[in-house]
Amino acid sequence: MEFLKIPFSDMQSLFFRILLKYGFPEHKAKVCSDIFAENSLEGIYTHGVNRFPRFVDYIKKGYIKVDSEPDLIHSAGALEQWNGNLGPGPLNALFCTERAIRLADEYGLGCAGLSNTNHWMRGGFYGWQAAKKGYVFIGWTNTEANMPAWGAAESRLGNNPLVIAVPFENEAVVLDFAMSQFSYGKMEASEQEGRDLPFYGGYNSRGELSKDPGDILKSRRTLPVGYWKGAGLSLMLDILATVVASGSATFEVSKHDAEYGVSQVFMAVSLKKLSNFEYVGKTISNIIEDFKNSSSDEMNSEIRYPGERVIRDRKENMLHGIPVSKTVWEHIVHL
């Protein structure tokens, strides 16, 4: 597969022009194009440049309502519930991240539940936003059914991504992962590149464990992380997202023609409200230092904390350009 190296500013500018063409007001087009471009800059191509054509397709099909804004449906102190009105998922998610932060400023901890929204693209983006402002962030979303319960032959669980982020020096430690061993975006990218997955990622049509992303995408039977533990966590995240957001559950989202109308939760903790605030930075640094002192295994692999690769990729891609499949880029240009 042939790859191009696209400068960050060029990608950002093209996304912006396309979103204007499809009805976005300037301020919304700017924020949304920034999110897609930054996800790509930081190496999350599956939920950045590679996902952008599908985002535009959902706009054209009416799943994403360009003009919609979130509405407050209930407030109870540090907890709020919002209806996303099927607005652009990244914009709704960024809004609720900011609401959780403002509530944390007032109460120490803030929580915003968001119903009837669209795919947030890369959940880690919101973790980075909060953590770099000095807040702990915890957020998750449900999805359509795309993963089987442990021991089940059909998919009734979502892979329900979970994000946990904490400030660290001038950056952050950010854990962002789906409940499936590999996200669907990762498997789609591996299939396009003609590569097998490095570990078993799901089942083929014969019910056999497989590393072939194409087989798994066809069967839609992904392997839960931690086997039964990941399946159980997925179920709990779906229950909590549905209840806290007063929204749709995975089984209800799955009745649609495509994945939209999902439920999400955004939580923030103000570290400044903690009695040990002045020591928090040093505490996190000590933990990371001890973690990094781990001896590498016989494969001599690098010991990295969650989010460390993002920092490296951000610098590399800003300097040399963002790697994009020529086919994907030509598709986007034609939009």
Protein backbone atom coordinates (compact mmCIF):
# COMPACT_ATOMS: atom_id res chain seq x y z
CA MET A 1 0.00 0.00 0.00
CA GLU A 2 1.31 3.43 -0.95
CA PHE A 3 1.46 6.11 1.75
CA LEU A 4 1.71 9.88 1.52
CA LYS A 5 3.07 12.26 4.16
CA ILE A 6 0.57 15.08 4.67
CA PRO A 7 1.52 18.18 6.67
CA PHE A 8 -0.70 18.75 9.70
CA SER A 9 -1.83 22.20 8.52
CA ASP A 10 -2.78 20.86 5.07
CA MET A 11 -4.88 18.09 6.60
CA GLN A 12 -6.54 20.50 9.02
CA SER A 13 -7.32 22.94 6.20
CA LEU A 14 -8.80 20.28 3.91
CA PHE A 15 -11.04 18.89 6.67
CA PHE A 16 -12.21 22.43 7.44
CA ARG A 17 -13.13 23.19 3.80
CA ILE A 18 -15.00 19.90 3.43
CA LEU A 19 -17.02 20.43 6.61
CA LEU A 20 -17.97 23.93 5.44
CA LYS A 21 -19.18 22.38 2.20
CA TYR A 22 -21.42 20.00 4.13
CA GLY A 23 -23.14 22.71 6.15
CA PHE A 24 -20.97 23.23 9.23
CA PRO A 25 -20.85 26.78 10.60
CA GLU A 26 -17.27 28.10 10.61
CA HIS A 27 -16.68 27.73 14.36
CA LYS A 28 -17.95 24.15 14.39
CA ALA A 29 -15.99 23.25 11.26
CA LYS A 30 -12.83 24.63 12.87
CA VAL A 31 -13.15 22.66 16.11
CA CYS A 32 -14.19 19.44 14.38
CA SER A 33 -11.43 19.63 11.76
CA ASP A 34 -8.91 20.31 14.53
CA ILE A 35 -10.05 17.16 16.40
CA PHE A 36 -9.77 14.92 13.32
CA ALA A 37 -6.40 16.37 12.37
CA GLU A 38 -5.00 16.14 15.91
CA ASN A 39 -6.13 12.52 16.26
CA SER A 40 -4.19 11.81 13.05
CA LEU A 41 -1.17 13.84 14.16
CA GLU A 42 -0.97 11.78 17.34
CA GLY A 43 -0.95 8.48 15.50
CA ILE A 44 -4.60 7.47 15.96
CA TYR A 45 -5.28 7.29 12.23
CA THR A 46 -8.16 4.86 12.65
CA HIS A 47 -10.19 7.53 14.45
CA GLY A 48 -8.77 10.50 12.57
CA VAL A 49 -8.06 10.69 8.85
CA ASN A 50 -9.19 7.12 8.12
CA ARG A 51 -12.55 7.73 9.79
CA PHE A 52 -13.23 11.12 8.22
CA PRO A 53 -14.93 9.81 5.03
CA ARG A 54 -17.41 7.82 7.12
CA PHE A 55 -18.11 10.92 9.22
CA VAL A 56 -19.02 12.82 6.03
CA ASP A 57 -21.12 9.88 4.82
CA TYR A 58 -23.11 9.94 8.08
CA ILE A 59 -23.72 13.67 7.61
CA LYS A 60 -25.07 13.03 4.10
CA LYS A 61 -27.31 10.23 5.36
CA GLY A 62 -28.72 12.41 8.16
CA TYR A 63 -27.38 10.37 11.06
CA ILE A 64 -25.33 13.40 12.14
CA LYS A 65 -27.29 16.65 12.52
CA VAL A 66 -24.84 19.44 11.76
CA ASP A 67 -26.91 22.22 13.36
CA SER A 68 -27.88 20.37 16.55
CA GLU A 69 -26.72 21.51 19.98
CA PRO A 70 -26.88 19.56 23.26
CA ASP A 71 -29.79 20.34 25.59
CA LEU A 72 -29.70 20.08 29.40
CA ILE A 73 -32.42 17.67 30.52
CA HIS A 74 -31.59 17.35 34.22
CA SER A 75 -29.24 18.84 36.81
CA ALA A 76 -28.51 17.52 40.30
CA GLY A 77 -25.50 19.25 41.83
CA ALA A 78 -22.34 17.70 40.43
CA LEU A 79 -24.34 15.55 38.00
CA GLU A 80 -25.91 16.70 34.75
CA GLN A 81 -27.73 14.84 31.97
CA TRP A 82 -27.63 16.16 28.41
CA ASN A 83 -29.37 15.21 25.17
CA GLY A 84 -26.95 15.39 22.25
CA ASN A 85 -29.77 15.66 19.67
CA LEU A 86 -27.65 13.61 17.24
CA GLY A 87 -25.20 16.48 16.83
CA PRO A 88 -21.60 15.84 15.69
CA GLY A 89 -20.15 13.36 18.18
CA PRO A 90 -16.77 15.06 18.70
CA LEU A 91 -18.40 18.44 19.38
CA ASN A 92 -20.94 16.96 21.82
CA ALA A 93 -18.17 15.04 23.60
CA LEU A 94 -15.94 18.10 23.89
CA PHE A 95 -18.87 20.11 25.26
CA CYS A 96 -19.62 17.51 27.96
CA THR A 97 -15.94 17.23 28.86
CA GLU A 98 -15.97 20.98 29.53
CA ARG A 99 -19.19 20.66 31.54
CA ALA A 100 -17.62 17.93 33.71
CA ILE A 101 -14.61 20.18 34.29
CA ARG A 102 -16.75 23.17 35.28
CA LEU A 103 -18.73 20.99 37.69
CA ALA A 104 -15.48 19.67 39.15
CA ASP A 105 -14.34 23.25 39.72
CA GLU A 106 -17.43 23.76 41.85
CA TYR A 107 -17.87 20.39 43.55
CA GLY A 108 -14.47 18.70 43.27
CA LEU A 109 -15.96 16.05 41.02
CA GLY A 110 -18.21 16.58 38.00
CA CYS A 111 -20.18 14.17 35.84
CA ALA A 112 -22.03 14.81 32.59
CA GLY A 113 -24.13 12.06 31.04
CA LEU A 114 -24.81 12.42 27.32
CA SER A 115 -27.60 10.61 25.47
CA ASN A 116 -28.64 10.53 21.81
CA THR A 117 -25.21 11.42 20.46
CA ASN A 118 -22.87 10.18 17.74
CA HIS A 119 -19.48 8.46 17.68
CA TRP A 120 -16.94 10.54 19.61
CA MET A 121 -14.16 9.29 17.31
CA ARG A 122 -11.12 8.99 19.61
CA GLY A 123 -12.13 8.98 23.27
CA GLY A 124 -8.56 9.68 24.36
CA PHE A 125 -8.77 13.16 22.84
CA TYR A 126 -11.06 14.29 25.65
CA GLY A 127 -8.82 12.67 28.26
CA TRP A 128 -5.84 14.63 26.93
CA GLN A 129 -7.86 17.85 26.92
CA ALA A 130 -8.88 17.47 30.57
CA ALA A 131 -5.58 16.12 31.90
CA LYS A 132 -3.48 18.87 30.29
CA LYS A 133 -5.69 21.36 32.12
CA GLY A 134 -4.91 19.61 35.42
CA TYR A 135 -7.94 17.33 35.83
CA VAL A 136 -8.39 13.59 36.17
CA PHE A 137 -10.73 12.35 33.46
CA ILE A 138 -12.82 9.18 33.21
CA GLY A 139 -15.15 8.68 30.27
CA TRP A 140 -16.79 5.91 28.33
CA THR A 141 -19.33 5.25 25.61
CA ASN A 142 -21.51 2.38 24.54
CA THR A 143 -21.66 1.25 20.92
CA GLU A 144 -23.72 -0.97 18.67
CA ALA A 145 -23.44 -4.72 19.35
CA ASN A 146 -20.12 -5.88 17.90
CA MET A 147 -18.67 -8.29 20.47
CA PRO A 148 -19.98 -11.55 21.95
CA ALA A 149 -20.32 -12.26 25.63
CA TRP A 150 -17.80 -14.83 26.82
CA GLY A 151 -19.03 -18.23 25.62
CA ALA A 152 -21.65 -16.72 23.28
CA ALA A 153 -21.82 -17.34 19.54
CA GLU A 154 -23.42 -14.01 18.61
CA SER A 155 -22.55 -10.39 19.37
CA ARG A 156 -24.79 -8.64 21.87
CA LEU A 157 -22.17 -6.52 23.64
CA GLY A 158 -20.53 -3.33 22.42
CA ASN A 159 -16.77 -2.89 22.54
CA ASN A 160 -17.58 0.21 24.66
CA PRO A 161 -14.30 2.22 24.82
CA LEU A 162 -13.10 3.48 28.22
CA VAL A 163 -10.72 6.42 28.82
CA ILE A 164 -8.82 7.24 32.03
CA ALA A 165 -6.41 10.19 32.06
CA VAL A 166 -4.26 11.95 34.66
CA PRO A 167 -1.90 14.94 34.34
CA PHE A 168 1.81 14.09 34.14
CA GLU A 169 4.42 16.82 34.00
CA ASN A 170 3.59 18.87 30.88
CA GLU A 171 1.74 15.97 29.25
CA ALA A 172 -0.56 13.22 30.53
CA VAL A 173 -0.93 9.51 31.16
CA VAL A 174 -3.91 8.46 29.06
CA LEU A 175 -5.39 4.97 28.87
CA ASP A 176 -7.83 4.68 25.96
CA PHE A 177 -9.05 1.25 24.94
CA ALA A 178 -12.02 -0.63 23.60
CA MET A 179 -13.28 -3.76 25.31
CA SER A 180 -12.33 -5.80 22.23
CA GLN A 181 -8.70 -6.90 21.88
CA PHE A 182 -8.47 -4.70 18.77
CA SER A 183 -10.79 -1.87 17.80
CA TYR A 184 -12.71 -2.22 14.55
CA GLY A 185 -10.75 0.73 13.18
CA LYS A 186 -7.47 -1.05 13.90
CA MET A 187 -8.69 -4.21 12.20
CA GLU A 188 -9.94 -2.27 9.17
CA ALA A 189 -6.54 -0.59 8.85
CA SER A 190 -4.70 -3.92 9.17
CA GLU A 191 -6.92 -5.48 6.50
CA GLN A 192 -6.25 -2.55 4.12
CA GLU A 193 -2.51 -2.95 4.68
CA GLY A 194 -2.68 -6.72 4.16
CA ARG A 195 -1.30 -7.48 7.64
CA ASP A 196 -2.39 -10.07 10.20
CA LEU A 197 -2.99 -8.93 13.77
CA PRO A 198 -0.08 -9.53 16.16
CA PHE A 199 -2.33 -11.50 18.54
CA TYR A 200 -5.66 -13.29 18.25
CA GLY A 201 -8.35 -10.65 17.79
CA GLY A 202 -11.54 -12.64 17.39
CA TYR A 203 -13.20 -15.55 15.64
CA ASN A 204 -13.64 -16.50 12.00
CA SER A 205 -16.90 -17.80 10.53
CA ARG A 206 -16.01 -21.32 11.71
CA GLY A 207 -15.75 -20.20 15.33
CA GLU A 208 -11.96 -20.52 15.40
CA LEU A 209 -9.65 -17.94 16.98
CA SER A 210 -8.08 -15.86 14.23
CA LYS A 211 -5.44 -13.20 13.59
CA ASP A 212 -6.90 -12.43 10.16
CA PRO A 213 -8.65 -9.04 10.47
CA GLY A 214 -10.79 -9.69 7.39
CA ASP A 215 -12.19 -12.91 8.87
CA ILE A 216 -13.02 -11.17 12.15
CA LEU A 217 -14.63 -8.18 10.44
CA LYS A 218 -16.87 -10.58 8.50
CA SER A 219 -17.89 -12.61 11.55
CA ARG A 220 -18.18 -9.50 13.80
CA ARG A 221 -17.08 -11.71 16.68
CA THR A 222 -14.23 -9.86 18.35
CA LEU A 223 -12.32 -11.24 21.31
CA PRO A 224 -13.00 -9.39 24.60
CA VAL A 225 -9.90 -8.10 26.42
CA GLY A 226 -9.29 -10.34 29.41
CA TYR A 227 -11.81 -12.82 27.97
CA TRP A 228 -14.76 -13.04 30.42
CA LYS A 229 -13.47 -10.02 32.37
CA GLY A 230 -13.60 -7.74 29.35
CA ALA A 231 -17.05 -9.03 28.44
CA GLY A 232 -18.27 -8.33 31.97
CA LEU A 233 -16.74 -4.85 31.96
CA SER A 234 -18.39 -4.10 28.62
CA LEU A 235 -21.78 -5.03 30.05
CA MET A 236 -21.29 -2.82 33.10
CA LEU A 237 -20.16 0.14 31.01
CA ASP A 238 -23.26 -0.22 28.84
CA ILE A 239 -25.52 -0.34 31.90
CA LEU A 240 -23.87 2.70 33.50
CA ALA A 241 -23.78 4.77 30.30
CA THR A 242 -27.44 4.04 29.62
CA VAL A 243 -28.56 4.81 33.18
CA VAL A 244 -26.38 7.86 33.88
CA ALA A 245 -27.08 9.44 30.49
CA SER A 246 -30.75 8.37 30.44
CA GLY A 247 -30.08 7.14 26.94
CA SER A 248 -30.15 4.09 24.67
CA ALA A 249 -28.48 0.79 25.49
CA THR A 250 -26.34 -1.21 23.09
CA PHE A 251 -29.23 -3.48 22.12
CA GLU A 252 -31.33 -0.42 21.24
CA VAL A 253 -28.56 1.31 19.27
CA SER A 254 -28.14 -1.93 17.32
CA LYS A 255 -31.67 -1.64 15.90
CA HIS A 256 -30.60 1.36 13.79
CA ASP A 257 -29.28 1.17 10.24
CA ALA A 258 -25.92 2.47 11.53
CA GLU A 259 -24.28 3.30 14.85
CA TYR A 260 -25.84 6.50 16.17
CA GLY A 261 -27.83 7.57 19.22
CA VAL A 262 -25.23 6.19 21.65
CA SER A 263 -24.88 7.01 25.38
CA GLN A 264 -21.74 8.43 27.00
CA VAL A 265 -20.42 9.51 30.41
CA PHE A 266 -17.81 12.20 31.16
CA MET A 267 -16.30 12.57 34.63
CA ALA A 268 -13.67 15.02 35.87
CA VAL A 269 -11.88 15.36 39.20
CA SER A 270 -10.29 18.66 40.21
CA LEU A 271 -6.90 17.81 41.72
CA LYS A 272 -6.80 21.29 43.26
CA LYS A 273 -9.62 20.24 45.58
CA LEU A 274 -7.56 17.42 47.09
CA SER A 275 -5.86 17.83 50.46
CA ASN A 276 -2.64 16.40 48.98
CA PHE A 277 -2.72 18.57 45.84
CA GLU A 278 0.79 19.99 46.26
CA TYR A 279 2.24 16.44 46.28
CA VAL A 280 0.14 14.93 43.48
CA GLY A 281 2.59 15.75 40.67
CA LYS A 282 5.51 14.22 42.56
CA THR A 283 3.45 11.16 43.47
CA ILE A 284 2.55 10.48 39.84
CA SER A 285 6.16 11.06 38.74
CA ASN A 286 7.42 8.56 41.35
CA ILE A 287 4.92 5.94 40.19
CA ILE A 288 5.88 6.41 36.52
CA GLU A 289 9.60 6.34 37.38
CA ASP A 290 9.20 3.03 39.20
CA PHE A 291 7.10 1.68 36.32
CA LYS A 292 9.74 2.66 33.75
CA ASN A 293 12.44 0.90 35.80
CA SER A 294 10.87 -2.45 34.88
CA SER A 295 13.27 -4.90 33.27
CA SER A 296 12.37 -5.62 29.65
CA ASP A 297 11.59 -9.20 28.65
CA GLU A 298 13.57 -11.41 26.31
CA MET A 299 12.04 -9.57 23.34
CA ASN A 300 13.76 -6.38 24.63
CA SER A 301 10.52 -4.46 24.25
CA GLU A 302 10.18 -0.84 25.36
CA ILE A 303 8.32 -0.22 28.62
CA ARG A 304 5.86 2.57 27.87
CA TYR A 305 3.14 4.11 30.00
CA PRO A 306 -0.27 4.70 28.39
CA GLY A 307 -0.08 7.72 26.12
CA GLU A 308 3.71 7.79 25.79
CA ARG A 309 3.61 6.66 22.17
CA VAL A 310 1.22 9.54 21.39
CA ILE A 311 3.85 12.07 22.47
CA ARG A 312 6.45 10.45 20.20
CA ASP A 313 4.09 10.20 17.21
CA ARG A 314 2.96 13.81 17.64
CA LYS A 315 6.55 15.06 17.33
CA GLU A 316 7.42 12.71 14.47
CA ASN A 317 4.33 13.51 12.42
CA MET A 318 4.60 17.27 12.97
CA LEU A 319 8.16 17.14 11.69
CA HIS A 320 7.78 14.75 8.75
CA GLY A 321 4.06 14.78 7.94
CA ILE A 322 1.18 12.46 8.80
CA PRO A 323 1.29 9.08 7.00
CA VAL A 324 -1.94 8.49 5.09
CA SER A 325 -2.90 5.80 2.61
CA LYS A 326 -2.88 7.33 -0.87
CA THR A 327 -6.28 5.73 -1.53
CA VAL A 328 -7.79 7.23 1.63
CA TRP A 329 -6.34 10.68 0.93
CA GLU A 330 -7.57 10.72 -2.68
CA HIS A 331 -11.03 9.74 -1.42
CA ILE A 332 -11.01 12.64 1.05
CA VAL A 333 -9.78 15.12 -1.57
CA HIS A 334 -12.68 14.14 -3.83
CA LEU A 335 -15.15 14.90 -1.04
